[in-house]
Amino acid sequence: MGRDYTTLHAASLLTQLPEGARVRLAYAPDAAWTSERSLLAAIVNDLNWLVWAQTKDAKHNRNRPKPIGPQRDNANQKRVVGVAMTPDRLMAEMARIRREAQRNG
């Protein structure tokens, strides 16, 4: 990338990456759950709950189906929205991610 771009420009480029991009996955493993995958998981969870709701277990509130996918509404889980770093650290992180991407193919 060189010295021609500012840190702000690099950050702007990072925010425009498509869902499932390797850089996003490096910072947030939940990024593997694209919008499409999250919606499909929500459908599966709802169908599993509807089937369970018709059973004797539901009447006694036991053996609930375990949801799949990202659990975004969990209040105990802390989500990292951003990471403050110096321009040099940003460049080092980007270089590390590029090296890993080259190694992994």
PDB file of N, CA and C in Angstrom:
ATOM      1  N   MET A   1       0.824  -1.175   0.000  1.00  0.00           N
ATOM      2  CA  MET A   1       0.000   0.000   0.000  1.00  0.00           C
ATOM      3  C   MET A   1       0.871   1.243   0.000  1.00  0.00           C
ATOM      4  N   GLY A   2       2.001   1.205   0.630  1.00  0.00           N
ATOM      5  CA  GLY A   2       2.921   2.323   0.588  1.00  0.00           C
ATOM      6  C   GLY A   2       2.515   3.480   1.471  1.00  0.00           C
ATOM      7  N   ARG A   3       3.119   4.622   1.222  1.00  0.00           N
ATOM      8  CA  ARG A   3       2.875   5.819   2.041  1.00  0.00           C
ATOM      9  C   ARG A   3       1.935   6.808   1.339  1.00  0.00           C
ATOM     10  N   ASP A   4       1.385   6.438   0.196  1.00  0.00           N
ATOM     11  CA  ASP A   4       0.523   7.346  -0.561  1.00  0.00           C
ATOM     12  C   ASP A   4      -0.865   7.490   0.036  1.00  0.00           C
ATOM     13  N   TYR A   5      -1.260   6.570   0.904  1.00  0.00           N
ATOM     14  CA  TYR A   5      -2.601   6.600   1.485  1.00  0.00           C
ATOM     15  C   TYR A   5      -2.533   6.974   2.956  1.00  0.00           C
ATOM     16  N   THR A   6      -3.543   7.689   3.406  1.00  0.00           N
ATOM     17  CA  THR A   6      -3.611   8.036   4.821  1.00  0.00           C
ATOM     18  C   THR A   6      -4.257   6.877   5.589  1.00  0.00           C
ATOM     19  N   THR A   7      -4.121   6.915   6.889  1.00  0.00           N
ATOM     20  CA  THR A   7      -4.748   5.907   7.733  1.00  0.00           C
ATOM     21  C   THR A   7      -6.266   5.959   7.589  1.00  0.00           C
ATOM     22  N   LEU A   8      -6.802   7.158   7.488  1.00  0.00           N
ATOM     23  CA  LEU A   8      -8.242   7.319   7.321  1.00  0.00           C
ATOM     24  C   LEU A   8      -8.713   6.680   6.013  1.00  0.00           C
ATOM     25  N   HIS A   9      -7.927   6.835   4.951  1.00  0.00           N
ATOM     26  CA  HIS A   9      -8.283   6.222   3.671  1.00  0.00           C
ATOM     27  C   HIS A   9      -8.238   4.696   3.783  1.00  0.00           C
ATOM     28  N   ALA A  10      -7.230   4.164   4.458  1.00  0.00           N
ATOM     29  CA  ALA A  10      -7.134   2.714   4.642  1.00  0.00           C
ATOM     30  C   ALA A  10      -8.316   2.192   5.457  1.00  0.00           C
ATOM     31  N   ALA A  11      -8.689   2.915   6.501  1.00  0.00           N
ATOM     32  CA  ALA A  11      -9.839   2.510   7.315  1.00  0.00           C
ATOM     33  C   ALA A  11     -11.117   2.556   6.493  1.00  0.00           C
ATOM     34  N   SER A  12     -11.239   3.559   5.637  1.00  0.00           N
ATOM     35  CA  SER A  12     -12.410   3.664   4.772  1.00  0.00           C
ATOM     36  C   SER A  12     -12.477   2.477   3.818  1.00  0.00           C
ATOM     37  N   LEU A  13     -11.350   2.086   3.279  1.00  0.00           N
ATOM     38  CA  LEU A  13     -11.314   0.922   2.386  1.00  0.00           C
ATOM     39  C   LEU A  13     -11.706  -0.356   3.129  1.00  0.00           C
ATOM     40  N   LEU A  14     -11.243  -0.494   4.366  1.00  0.00           N
ATOM     41  CA  LEU A  14     -11.556  -1.682   5.155  1.00  0.00           C
ATOM     42  C   LEU A  14     -13.054  -1.803   5.427  1.00  0.00           C
ATOM     43  N   THR A  15     -13.712  -0.681   5.639  1.00  0.00           N
ATOM     44  CA  THR A  15     -15.152  -0.743   5.931  1.00  0.00           C
ATOM     45  C   THR A  15     -15.967  -1.108   4.702  1.00  0.00           C
ATOM     46  N   GLN A  16     -15.386  -0.965   3.524  1.00  0.00           N
ATOM     47  CA  GLN A  16     -16.109  -1.254   2.291  1.00  0.00           C
ATOM     48  C   GLN A  16     -15.892  -2.679   1.789  1.00  0.00           C
ATOM     49  N   LEU A  17     -15.161  -3.478   2.541  1.00  0.00           N
ATOM     50  CA  LEU A  17     -14.905  -4.854   2.121  1.00  0.00           C
ATOM     51  C   LEU A  17     -16.203  -5.656   2.107  1.00  0.00           C
ATOM     52  N   PRO A  18     -16.309  -6.623   1.223  1.00  0.00           N
ATOM     53  CA  PRO A  18     -17.521  -7.446   1.183  1.00  0.00           C
ATOM     54  C   PRO A  18     -17.622  -8.351   2.404  1.00  0.00           C
ATOM     55  N   GLU A  19     -18.842  -8.823   2.666  1.00  0.00           N
ATOM     56  CA  GLU A  19     -19.041  -9.759   3.779  1.00  0.00           C
ATOM     57  C   GLU A  19     -18.206 -11.006   3.532  1.00  0.00           C
ATOM     58  N   GLY A  20     -17.621 -11.534   4.588  1.00  0.00           N
ATOM     59  CA  GLY A  20     -16.833 -12.746   4.472  1.00  0.00           C
ATOM     60  C   GLY A  20     -15.403 -12.517   4.012  1.00  0.00           C
ATOM     61  N   ALA A  21     -14.982 -11.253   3.880  1.00  0.00           N
ATOM     62  CA  ALA A  21     -13.606 -10.963   3.471  1.00  0.00           C
ATOM     63  C   ALA A  21     -12.638 -11.443   4.545  1.00  0.00           C
ATOM     64  N   ARG A  22     -11.463 -11.881   4.137  1.00  0.00           N
ATOM     65  CA  ARG A  22     -10.488 -12.443   5.086  1.00  0.00           C
ATOM     66  C   ARG A  22     -10.074 -11.440   6.159  1.00  0.00           C
ATOM     67  N   VAL A  23      -9.969 -10.177   5.804  1.00  0.00           N
ATOM     68  CA  VAL A  23      -9.570  -9.169   6.794  1.00  0.00           C
ATOM     69  C   VAL A  23     -10.637  -9.073   7.871  1.00  0.00           C
ATOM     70  N   ARG A  24     -11.899  -9.085   7.478  1.00  0.00           N
ATOM     71  CA  ARG A  24     -12.979  -9.046   8.473  1.00  0.00           C
ATOM     72  C   ARG A  24     -12.950 -10.282   9.351  1.00  0.00           C
ATOM     73  N   LEU A  25     -12.704 -11.435   8.747  1.00  0.00           N
ATOM     74  CA  LEU A  25     -12.653 -12.680   9.523  1.00  0.00           C
ATOM     75  C   LEU A  25     -11.517 -12.662  10.532  1.00  0.00           C
ATOM     76  N   ALA A  26     -10.414 -11.997  10.193  1.00  0.00           N
ATOM     77  CA  ALA A  26      -9.276 -11.930  11.112  1.00  0.00           C
ATOM     78  C   ALA A  26      -9.625 -11.142  12.367  1.00  0.00           C
ATOM     79  N   TYR A  27     -10.466 -10.140  12.238  1.00  0.00           N
ATOM     80  CA  TYR A  27     -10.824  -9.304  13.383  1.00  0.00           C
ATOM     81  C   TYR A  27     -12.080  -9.774  14.095  1.00  0.00           C
ATOM     82  N   ALA A  28     -13.003 -10.393  13.373  1.00  0.00           N
ATOM     83  CA  ALA A  28     -14.273 -10.808  13.977  1.00  0.00           C
ATOM     84  C   ALA A  28     -14.717 -12.129  13.362  1.00  0.00           C
ATOM     85  N   PRO A  29     -14.540 -13.238  14.075  1.00  0.00           N
ATOM     86  CA  PRO A  29     -14.935 -14.535  13.531  1.00  0.00           C
ATOM     87  C   PRO A  29     -16.417 -14.605  13.149  1.00  0.00           C
ATOM     88  N   ASP A  30     -17.254 -13.776  13.780  1.00  0.00           N
ATOM     89  CA  ASP A  30     -18.676 -13.745  13.422  1.00  0.00           C
ATOM     90  C   ASP A  30     -18.900 -13.218  12.009  1.00  0.00           C
ATOM     91  N   ALA A  31     -17.881 -12.599  11.429  1.00  0.00           N
ATOM     92  CA  ALA A  31     -18.024 -12.049  10.082  1.00  0.00           C
ATOM     93  C   ALA A  31     -18.268 -13.148   9.048  1.00  0.00           C
ATOM     94  N   ALA A  32     -17.986 -14.398   9.394  1.00  0.00           N
ATOM     95  CA  ALA A  32     -18.272 -15.500   8.469  1.00  0.00           C
ATOM     96  C   ALA A  32     -19.779 -15.652   8.274  1.00  0.00           C
ATOM     97  N   TRP A  33     -20.549 -15.121   9.220  1.00  0.00           N
ATOM     98  CA  TRP A  33     -22.010 -15.173   9.103  1.00  0.00           C
ATOM     99  C   TRP A  33     -22.479 -13.974   8.288  1.00  0.00           C
ATOM    100  N   THR A  34     -22.565 -14.171   6.994  1.00  0.00           N
ATOM    101  CA  THR A  34     -23.051 -13.123   6.106  1.00  0.00           C
ATOM    102  C   THR A  34     -24.541 -12.924   6.356  1.00  0.00           C
ATOM    103  N   SER A  35     -25.105 -11.904   5.751  1.00  0.00           N
ATOM    104  CA  SER A  35     -26.543 -11.638   5.917  1.00  0.00           C
ATOM    105  C   SER A  35     -27.365 -12.836   5.466  1.00  0.00           C
ATOM    106  N   GLU A  36     -26.975 -13.411   4.349  1.00  0.00           N
ATOM    107  CA  GLU A  36     -27.715 -14.567   3.824  1.00  0.00           C
ATOM    108  C   GLU A  36     -27.652 -15.752   4.785  1.00  0.00           C
ATOM    109  N   ARG A  37     -26.466 -16.046   5.278  1.00  0.00           N
ATOM    110  CA  ARG A  37     -26.322 -17.163   6.218  1.00  0.00           C
ATOM    111  C   ARG A  37     -27.078 -16.913   7.521  1.00  0.00           C
ATOM    112  N   SER A  38     -27.036 -15.667   7.994  1.00  0.00           N
ATOM    113  CA  SER A  38     -27.750 -15.329   9.229  1.00  0.00           C
ATOM    114  C   SER A  38     -29.255 -15.497   9.060  1.00  0.00           C
ATOM    115  N   LEU A  39     -29.784 -15.074   7.911  1.00  0.00           N
ATOM    116  CA  LEU A  39     -31.215 -15.235   7.656  1.00  0.00           C
ATOM    117  C   LEU A  39     -31.596 -16.710   7.556  1.00  0.00           C
ATOM    118  N   LEU A  40     -30.763 -17.497   6.893  1.00  0.00           N
ATOM    119  CA  LEU A  40     -31.037 -18.931   6.791  1.00  0.00           C
ATOM    120  C   LEU A  40     -31.002 -19.588   8.173  1.00  0.00           C
ATOM    121  N   ALA A  41     -30.050 -19.196   9.008  1.00  0.00           N
ATOM    122  CA  ALA A  41     -29.971 -19.740  10.367  1.00  0.00           C
ATOM    123  C   ALA A  41     -31.214 -19.348  11.170  1.00  0.00           C
ATOM    124  N   ALA A  42     -31.686 -18.116  10.980  1.00  0.00           N
ATOM    125  CA  ALA A  42     -32.890 -17.674  11.694  1.00  0.00           C
ATOM    126  C   ALA A  42     -34.103 -18.501  11.269  1.00  0.00           C
ATOM    127  N   ILE A  43     -34.189 -18.821   9.992  1.00  0.00           N
ATOM    128  CA  ILE A  43     -35.298 -19.652   9.497  1.00  0.00           C
ATOM    129  C   ILE A  43     -35.240 -21.040  10.119  1.00  0.00           C
ATOM    130  N   VAL A  44     -34.046 -21.632  10.129  1.00  0.00           N
ATOM    131  CA  VAL A  44     -33.880 -22.966  10.719  1.00  0.00           C
ATOM    132  C   VAL A  44     -34.238 -22.930  12.199  1.00  0.00           C
ATOM    133  N   ASN A  45     -33.774 -21.894  12.917  1.00  0.00           N
ATOM    134  CA  ASN A  45     -34.081 -21.782  14.345  1.00  0.00           C
ATOM    135  C   ASN A  45     -35.580 -21.676  14.582  1.00  0.00           C
ATOM    136  N   ASP A  46     -36.255 -20.873  13.777  1.00  0.00           N
ATOM    137  CA  ASP A  46     -37.700 -20.716  13.938  1.00  0.00           C
ATOM    138  C   ASP A  46     -38.446 -22.013  13.638  1.00  0.00           C
ATOM    139  N   LEU A  47     -38.034 -22.710  12.590  1.00  0.00           N
ATOM    140  CA  LEU A  47     -38.689 -23.986  12.267  1.00  0.00           C
ATOM    141  C   LEU A  47     -38.452 -25.016  13.361  1.00  0.00           C
ATOM    142  N   ASN A  48     -37.236 -25.069  13.878  1.00  0.00           N
ATOM    143  CA  ASN A  48     -36.953 -25.999  14.977  1.00  0.00           C
ATOM    144  C   ASN A  48     -37.813 -25.679  16.197  1.00  0.00           C
ATOM    145  N   TRP A  49     -37.983 -24.380  16.490  1.00  0.00           N
ATOM    146  CA  TRP A  49     -38.800 -23.996  17.629  1.00  0.00           C
ATOM    147  C   TRP A  49     -40.270 -24.360  17.394  1.00  0.00           C
ATOM    148  N   LEU A  50     -40.774 -24.154  16.165  1.00  0.00           N
ATOM    149  CA  LEU A  50     -42.167 -24.490  15.867  1.00  0.00           C
ATOM    150  C   LEU A  50     -42.434 -25.988  16.023  1.00  0.00           C
ATOM    151  N   VAL A  51     -41.496 -26.798  15.572  1.00  0.00           N
ATOM    152  CA  VAL A  51     -41.648 -28.247  15.724  1.00  0.00           C
ATOM    153  C   VAL A  51     -41.610 -28.608  17.204  1.00  0.00           C
ATOM    154  N   TRP A  52     -40.660 -28.033  17.941  1.00  0.00           N
ATOM    155  CA  TRP A  52     -40.533 -28.320  19.378  1.00  0.00           C
ATOM    156  C   TRP A  52     -41.785 -27.877  20.126  1.00  0.00           C
ATOM    157  N   ALA A  53     -42.388 -26.755  19.716  1.00  0.00           N
ATOM    158  CA  ALA A  53     -43.554 -26.212  20.416  1.00  0.00           C
ATOM    159  C   ALA A  53     -44.744 -27.171  20.385  1.00  0.00           C
ATOM    160  N   GLN A  54     -44.737 -28.121  19.470  1.00  0.00           N
ATOM    161  CA  GLN A  54     -45.845 -29.074  19.353  1.00  0.00           C
ATOM    162  C   GLN A  54     -45.605 -30.365  20.148  1.00  0.00           C
ATOM    163  N   THR A  55     -44.522 -30.420  20.897  1.00  0.00           N
ATOM    164  CA  THR A  55     -44.170 -31.642  21.622  1.00  0.00           C
ATOM    165  C   THR A  55     -44.552 -31.555  23.098  1.00  0.00           C
ATOM    166  N   LYS A  56     -44.496 -32.705  23.773  1.00  0.00           N
ATOM    167  CA  LYS A  56     -44.749 -32.744  25.218  1.00  0.00           C
ATOM    168  C   LYS A  56     -43.654 -32.003  25.977  1.00  0.00           C
ATOM    169  N   ASP A  57     -42.429 -32.034  25.440  1.00  0.00           N
ATOM    170  CA  ASP A  57     -41.332 -31.299  26.081  1.00  0.00           C
ATOM    171  C   ASP A  57     -41.634 -29.814  26.181  1.00  0.00           C
ATOM    172  N   ALA A  58     -42.274 -29.277  25.175  1.00  0.00           N
ATOM    173  CA  ALA A  58     -42.595 -27.840  25.189  1.00  0.00           C
ATOM    174  C   ALA A  58     -43.579 -27.522  26.303  1.00  0.00           C
ATOM    175  N   LYS A  59     -44.506 -28.423  26.548  1.00  0.00           N
ATOM    176  CA  LYS A  59     -45.494 -28.184  27.608  1.00  0.00           C
ATOM    177  C   LYS A  59     -44.832 -28.100  28.974  1.00  0.00           C
ATOM    178  N   HIS A  60     -43.719 -28.810  29.116  1.00  0.00           N
ATOM    179  CA  HIS A  60     -42.984 -28.815  30.380  1.00  0.00           C
ATOM    180  C   HIS A  60     -41.725 -27.935  30.312  1.00  0.00           C
ATOM    181  N   ASN A  61     -41.582 -27.209  29.208  1.00  0.00           N
ATOM    182  CA  ASN A  61     -40.458 -26.290  28.990  1.00  0.00           C
ATOM    183  C   ASN A  61     -39.098 -26.966  29.204  1.00  0.00           C
ATOM    184  N   ARG A  62     -38.881 -28.060  28.535  1.00  0.00           N
ATOM    185  CA  ARG A  62     -37.597 -28.769  28.625  1.00  0.00           C
ATOM    186  C   ARG A  62     -37.139 -29.171  27.222  1.00  0.00           C
ATOM    187  N   ASN A  63     -35.872 -29.471  27.113  1.00  0.00           N
ATOM    188  CA  ASN A  63     -35.258 -29.905  25.859  1.00  0.00           C
ATOM    189  C   ASN A  63     -35.519 -28.933  24.709  1.00  0.00           C
ATOM    190  N   ARG A  64     -35.357 -27.645  24.990  1.00  0.00           N
ATOM    191  CA  ARG A  64     -35.500 -26.649  23.925  1.00  0.00           C
ATOM    192  C   ARG A  64     -34.441 -26.891  22.844  1.00  0.00           C
ATOM    193  N   PRO A  65     -34.778 -26.624  21.598  1.00  0.00           N
ATOM    194  CA  PRO A  65     -33.759 -26.774  20.546  1.00  0.00           C
ATOM    195  C   PRO A  65     -32.681 -25.704  20.703  1.00  0.00           C
ATOM    196  N   LYS A  66     -31.455 -26.086  20.433  1.00  0.00           N
ATOM    197  CA  LYS A  66     -30.348 -25.142  20.530  1.00  0.00           C
ATOM    198  C   LYS A  66     -30.258 -24.351  19.224  1.00  0.00           C
ATOM    199  N   PRO A  67     -30.200 -23.018  19.316  1.00  0.00           N
ATOM    200  CA  PRO A  67     -30.133 -22.215  18.092  1.00  0.00           C
ATOM    201  C   PRO A  67     -28.764 -22.331  17.419  1.00  0.00           C
ATOM    202  N   ILE A  68     -28.762 -22.171  16.116  1.00  0.00           N
ATOM    203  CA  ILE A  68     -27.511 -22.143  15.356  1.00  0.00           C
ATOM    204  C   ILE A  68     -27.282 -20.721  14.872  1.00  0.00           C
ATOM    205  N   GLY A  69     -26.074 -20.432  14.469  1.00  0.00           N
ATOM    206  CA  GLY A  69     -25.772 -19.115  13.917  1.00  0.00           C
ATOM    207  C   GLY A  69     -25.290 -18.139  14.957  1.00  0.00           C
ATOM    208  N   PRO A  70     -25.091 -16.912  14.524  1.00  0.00           N
ATOM    209  CA  PRO A  70     -24.598 -15.889  15.448  1.00  0.00           C
ATOM    210  C   PRO A  70     -25.677 -15.496  16.449  1.00  0.00           C
ATOM    211  N   GLN A  71     -25.291 -15.371  17.684  1.00  0.00           N
ATOM    212  CA  GLN A  71     -26.234 -15.000  18.747  1.00  0.00           C
ATOM    213  C   GLN A  71     -26.046 -13.525  19.064  1.00  0.00           C
ATOM    214  N   ARG A  72     -26.622 -12.664  18.271  1.00  0.00           N
ATOM    215  CA  ARG A  72     -26.409 -11.226  18.402  1.00  0.00           C
ATOM    216  C   ARG A  72     -27.184 -10.588  19.546  1.00  0.00           C
ATOM    217  N   ASP A  73     -28.251 -11.214  19.996  1.00  0.00           N
ATOM    218  CA  ASP A  73     -29.052 -10.588  21.039  1.00  0.00           C
ATOM    219  C   ASP A  73     -28.646 -11.037  22.435  1.00  0.00           C
ATOM    220  N   ASN A  74     -27.490 -11.649  22.585  1.00  0.00           N
ATOM    221  CA  ASN A  74     -26.998 -12.076  23.882  1.00  0.00           C
ATOM    222  C   ASN A  74     -26.413 -10.865  24.615  1.00  0.00           C
ATOM    223  N   ALA A  75     -27.049 -10.449  25.694  1.00  0.00           N
ATOM    224  CA  ALA A  75     -26.627  -9.239  26.409  1.00  0.00           C
ATOM    225  C   ALA A  75     -25.288  -9.423  27.112  1.00  0.00           C
ATOM    226  N   ASN A  76     -24.910 -10.651  27.431  1.00  0.00           N
ATOM    227  CA  ASN A  76     -23.652 -10.891  28.147  1.00  0.00           C
ATOM    228  C   ASN A  76     -22.445 -10.879  27.221  1.00  0.00           C
ATOM    229  N   GLN A  77     -22.684 -10.959  25.927  1.00  0.00           N
ATOM    230  CA  GLN A  77     -21.583 -11.027  24.977  1.00  0.00           C
ATOM    231  C   GLN A  77     -21.182  -9.611  24.562  1.00  0.00           C
ATOM    232  N   LYS A  78     -19.908  -9.308  24.691  1.00  0.00           N
ATOM    233  CA  LYS A  78     -19.408  -7.990  24.322  1.00  0.00           C
ATOM    234  C   LYS A  78     -18.937  -8.031  22.873  1.00  0.00           C
ATOM    235  N   ARG A  79     -19.461  -7.103  22.070  1.00  0.00           N
ATOM    236  CA  ARG A  79     -19.064  -7.018  20.665  1.00  0.00           C
ATOM    237  C   ARG A  79     -18.038  -5.916  20.498  1.00  0.00           C
ATOM    238  N   VAL A  80     -16.979  -6.217  19.781  1.00  0.00           N
ATOM    239  CA  VAL A  80     -15.956  -5.224  19.488  1.00  0.00           C
ATOM    240  C   VAL A  80     -16.380  -4.489  18.218  1.00  0.00           C
ATOM    241  N   VAL A  81     -16.569  -3.189  18.334  1.00  0.00           N
ATOM    242  CA  VAL A  81     -17.013  -2.398  17.189  1.00  0.00           C
ATOM    243  C   VAL A  81     -15.816  -1.855  16.430  1.00  0.00           C
ATOM    244  N   GLY A  82     -14.781  -1.469  17.126  1.00  0.00           N
ATOM    245  CA  GLY A  82     -13.605  -0.918  16.477  1.00  0.00           C
ATOM    246  C   GLY A  82     -12.391  -1.078  17.369  1.00  0.00           C
ATOM    247  N   VAL A  83     -11.231  -0.927  16.777  1.00  0.00           N
ATOM    248  CA  VAL A  83      -9.984  -1.053  17.519  1.00  0.00           C
ATOM    249  C   VAL A  83      -9.165   0.198  17.245  1.00  0.00           C
ATOM    250  N   ALA A  84      -8.801   0.914  18.295  1.00  0.00           N
ATOM    251  CA  ALA A  84      -7.965   2.099  18.141  1.00  0.00           C
ATOM    252  C   ALA A  84      -6.514   1.660  18.023  1.00  0.00           C
ATOM    253  N   MET A  85      -5.811   2.207  17.026  1.00  0.00           N
ATOM    254  CA  MET A  85      -4.401   1.869  16.840  1.00  0.00           C
ATOM    255  C   MET A  85      -3.704   2.992  16.081  1.00  0.00           C
ATOM    256  N   THR A  86      -2.401   2.988  16.194  1.00  0.00           N
ATOM    257  CA  THR A  86      -1.598   3.982  15.488  1.00  0.00           C
ATOM    258  C   THR A  86      -1.510   3.592  14.015  1.00  0.00           C
ATOM    259  N   PRO A  87      -1.149   4.536  13.150  1.00  0.00           N
ATOM    260  CA  PRO A  87      -0.985   4.194  11.735  1.00  0.00           C
ATOM    261  C   PRO A  87       0.044   3.092  11.510  1.00  0.00           C
ATOM    262  N   ASP A  88       1.125   3.114  12.281  1.00  0.00           N
ATOM    263  CA  ASP A  88       2.150   2.077  12.125  1.00  0.00           C
ATOM    264  C   ASP A  88       1.611   0.701  12.512  1.00  0.00           C
ATOM    265  N   ARG A  89       0.831   0.658  13.585  1.00  0.00           N
ATOM    266  CA  ARG A  89       0.249  -0.620  13.998  1.00  0.00           C
ATOM    267  C   ARG A  89      -0.754  -1.118  12.966  1.00  0.00           C
ATOM    268  N   LEU A  90      -1.531  -0.194  12.380  1.00  0.00           N
ATOM    269  CA  LEU A  90      -2.472  -0.577  11.337  1.00  0.00           C
ATOM    270  C   LEU A  90      -1.746  -1.204  10.155  1.00  0.00           C
ATOM    271  N   MET A  91      -0.666  -0.573   9.742  1.00  0.00           N
ATOM    272  CA  MET A  91       0.116  -1.118   8.617  1.00  0.00           C
ATOM    273  C   MET A  91       0.697  -2.491   8.967  1.00  0.00           C
ATOM    274  N   ALA A  92       1.157  -2.661  10.208  1.00  0.00           N
ATOM    275  CA  ALA A  92       1.704  -3.947  10.641  1.00  0.00           C
ATOM    276  C   ALA A  92       0.616  -5.016  10.657  1.00  0.00           C
ATOM    277  N   GLU A  93      -0.567  -4.670  11.139  1.00  0.00           N
ATOM    278  CA  GLU A  93      -1.682  -5.626  11.164  1.00  0.00           C
ATOM    279  C   GLU A  93      -2.090  -6.029   9.750  1.00  0.00           C
ATOM    280  N   MET A  94      -2.164  -5.044   8.863  1.00  0.00           N
ATOM    281  CA  MET A  94      -2.535  -5.359   7.482  1.00  0.00           C
ATOM    282  C   MET A  94      -1.490  -6.246   6.821  1.00  0.00           C
ATOM    283  N   ALA A  95      -0.216  -5.987   7.105  1.00  0.00           N
ATOM    284  CA  ALA A  95       0.858  -6.823   6.552  1.00  0.00           C
ATOM    285  C   ALA A  95       0.750  -8.252   7.094  1.00  0.00           C
ATOM    286  N   ARG A  96       0.438  -8.378   8.394  1.00  0.00           N
ATOM    287  CA  ARG A  96       0.287  -9.709   8.993  1.00  0.00           C
ATOM    288  C   ARG A  96      -0.865 -10.469   8.336  1.00  0.00           C
ATOM    289  N   ILE A  97      -1.975  -9.778   8.126  1.00  0.00           N
ATOM    290  CA  ILE A  97      -3.145 -10.427   7.525  1.00  0.00           C
ATOM    291  C   ILE A  97      -2.837 -10.839   6.090  1.00  0.00           C
ATOM    292  N   ARG A  98      -2.112  -9.993   5.357  1.00  0.00           N
ATOM    293  CA  ARG A  98      -1.734 -10.358   3.981  1.00  0.00           C
ATOM    294  C   ARG A  98      -0.850 -11.599   3.965  1.00  0.00           C
ATOM    295  N   ARG A  99       0.125 -11.646   4.907  1.00  0.00           N
ATOM    296  CA  ARG A  99       1.004 -12.825   4.962  1.00  0.00           C
ATOM    297  C   ARG A  99       0.201 -14.092   5.234  1.00  0.00           C
ATOM    298  N   GLU A 100      -0.739 -14.017   6.191  1.00  0.00           N
ATOM    299  CA  GLU A 100      -1.575 -15.173   6.501  1.00  0.00           C
ATOM    300  C   GLU A 100      -2.438 -15.587   5.318  1.00  0.00           C
ATOM    301  N   ALA A 101      -2.957 -14.606   4.606  1.00  0.00           N
ATOM    302  CA  ALA A 101      -3.799 -14.907   3.445  1.00  0.00           C
ATOM    303  C   ALA A 101      -2.970 -15.582   2.354  1.00  0.00           C
ATOM    304  N   GLN A 102      -1.730 -15.144   2.167  1.00  0.00           N
ATOM    305  CA  GLN A 102      -0.872 -15.758   1.155  1.00  0.00           C
ATOM    306  C   GLN A 102      -0.516 -17.188   1.551  1.00  0.00           C
ATOM    307  N   ARG A 103      -0.281 -17.411   2.845  1.00  0.00           N
ATOM    308  CA  ARG A 103       0.045 -18.758   3.305  1.00  0.00           C
ATOM    309  C   ARG A 103      -1.139 -19.699   3.163  1.00  0.00           C
ATOM    310  N   ASN A 104      -2.357 -19.177   3.436  1.00  0.00           N
ATOM    311  CA  ASN A 104      -3.561 -20.023   3.396  1.00  0.00           C
ATOM    312  C   ASN A 104      -4.153 -20.164   2.002  1.00  0.00           C
ATOM    313  N   GLY A 105      -3.565 -19.497   1.060  1.00  0.00           N
ATOM    314  CA  GLY A 105      -3.998 -19.701  -0.318  1.00  0.00           C
ATOM    315  C   GLY A 105      -4.969 -18.729  -0.792  1.00  0.00           C
TER     316      GLY A 105
END
